[in-house]
C-alpha atoms as a PDB file:
ATOM      1  CA  UNK A   1       3.265  -0.374   9.644  1.00  0.00           C
ATOM      2  CA  UNK A   2       2.601   0.396  13.283  1.00  0.00           C
ATOM      3  CA  UNK A   3       4.766   1.621  16.141  1.00  0.00           C
ATOM      4  CA  UNK A   4       8.059   1.998  14.264  1.00  0.00           C
ATOM      5  CA  UNK A   5      10.526   4.867  14.288  1.00  0.00           C
ATOM      6  CA  UNK A   6      11.002   7.216  11.346  1.00  0.00           C
ATOM      7  CA  UNK A   7      14.485   5.693  10.964  1.00  0.00           C
ATOM      8  CA  UNK A   8      12.939   2.234  10.546  1.00  0.00           C
ATOM      9  CA  UNK A   9      10.272   3.638   8.223  1.00  0.00           C
ATOM     10  CA  UNK A  10      12.987   5.246   6.097  1.00  0.00           C
ATOM     11  CA  UNK A  11      15.006   2.008   5.979  1.00  0.00           C
ATOM     12  CA  UNK A  12      11.953   0.040   4.852  1.00  0.00           C
ATOM     13  CA  UNK A  13      11.150   2.584   2.134  1.00  0.00           C
ATOM     14  CA  UNK A  14      14.760   2.466   0.927  1.00  0.00           C
ATOM     15  CA  UNK A  15      14.248  -1.272   0.310  1.00  0.00           C
ATOM     16  CA  UNK A  16      11.262  -0.459  -1.931  1.00  0.00           C
ATOM     17  CA  UNK A  17      11.146   0.905  -5.480  1.00  0.00           C
ATOM     18  CA  UNK A  18      12.264   4.466  -5.981  1.00  0.00           C
ATOM     19  CA  UNK A  19       9.378   6.765  -6.757  1.00  0.00           C
ATOM     20  CA  UNK A  20       6.430   8.631  -5.338  1.00  0.00           C
ATOM     21  CA  UNK A  21       4.129   7.267  -2.614  1.00  0.00           C
ATOM     22  CA  UNK A  22       1.065   8.572  -0.841  1.00  0.00           C
ATOM     23  CA  UNK A  23       1.288   8.045   2.928  1.00  0.00           C
ATOM     24  CA  UNK A  24      -1.517   8.013   5.437  1.00  0.00           C
ATOM     25  CA  UNK A  25      -0.718   8.786   9.074  1.00  0.00           C
ATOM     26  CA  UNK A  26      -2.799   8.763  12.250  1.00  0.00           C
ATOM     27  CA  UNK A  27      -4.103  12.308  11.642  1.00  0.00           C
ATOM     28  CA  UNK A  28      -2.446  13.518   8.473  1.00  0.00           C
ATOM     29  CA  UNK A  29      -1.648  12.588   4.887  1.00  0.00           C
ATOM     30  CA  UNK A  30       1.197  13.464   2.549  1.00  0.00           C
ATOM     31  CA  UNK A  31       3.607  12.075   0.017  1.00  0.00           C
ATOM     32  CA  UNK A  32       6.863  10.179   0.279  1.00  0.00           C
ATOM     33  CA  UNK A  33       9.528  10.629  -2.382  1.00  0.00           C
ATOM     34  CA  UNK A  34      12.128   7.864  -2.541  1.00  0.00           C
ATOM     35  CA  UNK A  35      14.625   9.815  -4.600  1.00  0.00           C
ATOM     36  CA  UNK A  36      17.047   8.478  -7.210  1.00  0.00           C
ATOM     37  CA  UNK A  37      19.956   8.988  -4.795  1.00  0.00           C
ATOM     38  CA  UNK A  38      18.209   6.832  -2.156  1.00  0.00           C
ATOM     39  CA  UNK A  39      17.096   9.705   0.075  1.00  0.00           C
ATOM     40  CA  UNK A  40      13.561   9.652   1.483  1.00  0.00           C
ATOM     41  CA  UNK A  41      11.515  12.864   1.707  1.00  0.00           C
ATOM     42  CA  UNK A  42       8.135  13.671   3.258  1.00  0.00           C
ATOM     43  CA  UNK A  43       6.138  16.255   1.280  1.00  0.00           C
ATOM     44  CA  UNK A  44       3.043  17.641   2.954  1.00  0.00           C
ATOM     45  CA  UNK A  45       1.066  20.656   3.994  1.00  0.00           C
ATOM     46  CA  UNK A  46       2.595  21.141   7.427  1.00  0.00           C
ATOM     47  CA  UNK A  47       0.449  21.992  10.415  1.00  0.00           C
ATOM     48  CA  UNK A  48       3.643  22.686  12.411  1.00  0.00           C
ATOM     49  CA  UNK A  49       6.115  25.531  11.887  1.00  0.00           C
ATOM     50  CA  UNK A  50       6.435  26.566   9.165  1.00  0.00           C
ATOM     51  CA  UNK A  51       2.737  26.273   8.378  1.00  0.00           C
ATOM     52  CA  UNK A  52       3.260  25.745   4.657  1.00  0.00           C
ATOM     53  CA  UNK A  53       3.816  23.040   2.075  1.00  0.00           C
ATOM     54  CA  UNK A  54       7.195  21.532   2.907  1.00  0.00           C
ATOM     55  CA  UNK A  55       9.651  18.912   1.744  1.00  0.00           C
ATOM     56  CA  UNK A  56      11.648  17.508   4.631  1.00  0.00           C
ATOM     57  CA  UNK A  57      13.818  14.482   5.240  1.00  0.00           C
ATOM     58  CA  UNK A  58      11.607  11.670   6.514  1.00  0.00           C
ATOM     59  CA  UNK A  59      13.942  11.026   9.451  1.00  0.00           C
ATOM     60  CA  UNK A  60      13.614  14.669  10.559  1.00  0.00           C
ATOM     61  CA  UNK A  61       9.855  15.094  10.131  1.00  0.00           C
ATOM     62  CA  UNK A  62       7.895  15.831  13.323  1.00  0.00           C
ATOM     63  CA  UNK A  63       4.511  14.845  11.813  1.00  0.00           C
ATOM     64  CA  UNK A  64       5.939  11.486  10.703  1.00  0.00           C
ATOM     65  CA  UNK A  65       7.495  10.914  14.127  1.00  0.00           C
ATOM     66  CA  UNK A  66       4.211  11.833  15.852  1.00  0.00           C
ATOM     67  CA  UNK A  67       2.288   9.116  13.998  1.00  0.00           C
ATOM     68  CA  UNK A  68       2.005   5.556  15.243  1.00  0.00           C
ATOM     69  CA  UNK A  69       0.767   4.206  11.883  1.00  0.00           C
ATOM     70  CA  UNK A  70       1.974   4.478   8.297  1.00  0.00           C
ATOM     71  CA  UNK A  71       0.018   3.303   5.250  1.00  0.00           C
ATOM     72  CA  UNK A  72       1.836   3.647   1.916  1.00  0.00           C
ATOM     73  CA  UNK A  73       0.536   3.423  -1.633  1.00  0.00           C
ATOM     74  CA  UNK A  74       2.872   3.534  -4.625  1.00  0.00           C
ATOM     75  CA  UNK A  75       1.895   6.110  -7.276  1.00  0.00           C
ATOM     76  CA  UNK A  76       3.245   4.412 -10.370  1.00  0.00           C
ATOM     77  CA  UNK A  77       0.981   6.108 -12.878  1.00  0.00           C
ATOM     78  CA  UNK A  78       2.552   8.998 -14.807  1.00  0.00           C
ATOM     79  CA  UNK A  79      -0.930   9.605 -16.231  1.00  0.00           C
ATOM     80  CA  UNK A  80      -2.440  10.047 -12.764  1.00  0.00           C
ATOM     81  CA  UNK A  81       0.359  12.317 -11.525  1.00  0.00           C
ATOM     82  CA  UNK A  82       0.160  14.450 -14.680  1.00  0.00           C
ATOM     83  CA  UNK A  83      -3.618  14.911 -14.286  1.00  0.00           C
ATOM     84  CA  UNK A  84      -3.169  15.834 -10.618  1.00  0.00           C
ATOM     85  CA  UNK A  85      -0.461  18.409 -11.401  1.00  0.00           C
ATOM     86  CA  UNK A  86      -2.546  19.943 -14.198  1.00  0.00           C
ATOM     87  CA  UNK A  87      -5.687  20.083 -11.980  1.00  0.00           C
ATOM     88  CA  UNK A  88      -7.602  17.870 -14.396  1.00  0.00           C
ATOM     89  CA  UNK A  89     -10.607  15.822 -13.315  1.00  0.00           C
ATOM     90  CA  UNK A  90     -10.039  12.138 -12.680  1.00  0.00           C
ATOM     91  CA  UNK A  91     -13.143  10.022 -13.235  1.00  0.00           C
ATOM     92  CA  UNK A  92     -13.897   7.318 -10.716  1.00  0.00           C
ATOM     93  CA  UNK A  93     -16.249   4.361 -10.904  1.00  0.00           C
ATOM     94  CA  UNK A  94     -18.349   3.258  -7.953  1.00  0.00           C
END
């Protein structure tokens, strides 16, 4: 999506499946969690205060609001998420 507010982004995500998404922004990348209770969170390594890994409501996220583009990919693979969390190699094919 392009040129939408974080409120609109959140509404659109709430219409999608609950789960974990990767999100690409203009100059940043992170994850979106559409939680079981319908809330939408942005998880990322923040370059704004606090400079740390954070989980914040999507509607309140400055990095999300600063972006003019949002590209989402649904992470539906428990296998992939498990490998990522355990720091295991994931083979790719060119």
